[in-house]
Amino acid sequence: MGGVTELLVIMLIIATAAFAPLAYFIHKYTQKNGQPFGETEPHGDSPSLVNDLAETAIHFVKSKLGKK
């Protein structure tokens, strides 16, 4: 009977470790009106060097194609 109890305890430890990230995410998601990571900006609202370079390249290509 001791082997069964030992196996049960080991299985509970493994299950707790396996489902802890899920429980943490559910806990965070239910906080702050369903926003798991607090206030975040929508994608694309913050200035970015890569976005600026891409916009510059697009405008350059459009201007070159428009002149033909």
Protein backbone atom coordinates (compact mmCIF):
# COMPACT_ATOMS: atom_id res chain seq x y z
CA MET A 1 0.00 0.00 0.00
CA GLY A 2 2.95 2.33 0.58
CA GLY A 3 3.95 2.09 -3.09
CA VAL A 4 0.54 3.28 -4.23
CA THR A 5 0.62 6.26 -1.86
CA GLU A 6 4.13 7.14 -2.96
CA LEU A 7 3.09 6.94 -6.62
CA LEU A 8 0.05 9.15 -5.92
CA VAL A 9 2.20 11.82 -4.28
CA ILE A 10 4.69 11.78 -7.16
CA MET A 11 1.87 12.04 -9.70
CA LEU A 12 0.37 15.01 -7.85
CA ILE A 13 3.73 16.80 -7.84
CA ILE A 14 4.15 16.21 -11.59
CA ALA A 15 0.58 17.36 -12.31
CA THR A 16 1.08 20.51 -10.23
CA ALA A 17 4.26 21.35 -12.12
CA ALA A 18 2.58 20.67 -15.47
CA PHE A 19 -0.50 22.81 -14.87
CA ALA A 20 1.11 25.68 -12.93
CA PRO A 21 1.76 27.83 -16.06
CA LEU A 22 -1.86 27.41 -17.15
CA ALA A 23 -3.13 28.40 -13.71
CA TYR A 24 -0.81 31.43 -13.69
CA PHE A 25 -2.08 32.58 -17.10
CA ILE A 26 -5.72 32.16 -16.04
CA HIS A 27 -4.99 34.11 -12.86
CA LYS A 28 -3.35 36.94 -14.82
CA TYR A 29 -6.08 36.94 -17.48
CA THR A 30 -8.84 37.39 -14.92
CA GLN A 31 -7.11 40.45 -13.44
CA LYS A 32 -7.57 43.99 -14.76
CA ASN A 33 -10.74 43.40 -16.79
CA GLY A 34 -9.39 40.56 -18.89
CA GLN A 35 -6.07 42.13 -19.82
CA PRO A 36 -3.44 39.52 -18.94
CA PHE A 37 -0.44 41.84 -19.23
CA GLY A 38 -1.93 45.18 -18.22
CA GLU A 39 -2.19 48.12 -20.57
CA THR A 40 -0.45 47.42 -23.86
CA GLU A 41 -0.31 49.56 -26.98
CA PRO A 42 -1.90 48.21 -30.15
CA HIS A 43 0.69 47.01 -32.63
CA GLY A 44 2.04 49.76 -34.83
CA ASP A 45 1.31 52.76 -32.62
CA SER A 46 4.79 53.10 -31.21
CA PRO A 47 7.51 54.70 -33.37
CA SER A 48 10.05 52.33 -34.83
CA LEU A 49 13.18 52.80 -36.91
CA VAL A 50 12.32 49.76 -39.03
CA ASN A 51 8.80 51.07 -39.73
CA ASP A 52 10.19 54.49 -40.67
CA LEU A 53 12.73 52.95 -43.06
CA ALA A 54 10.06 50.75 -44.63
CA GLU A 55 7.74 53.72 -45.15
CA THR A 56 10.56 55.73 -46.68
CA ALA A 57 11.40 52.87 -49.06
CA ILE A 58 7.73 52.44 -50.06
CA HIS A 59 7.35 56.16 -50.77
CA PHE A 60 10.59 56.14 -52.78
CA VAL A 61 9.45 53.21 -54.93
CA LYS A 62 5.99 54.76 -55.41
CA SER A 63 7.53 58.05 -56.51
CA LYS A 64 9.85 56.30 -58.99
CA LEU A 65 7.01 54.21 -60.43
CA GLY A 66 4.72 57.25 -60.61
CA LYS A 67 7.21 59.25 -62.72
CA LYS A 68 7.21 56.70 -65.54
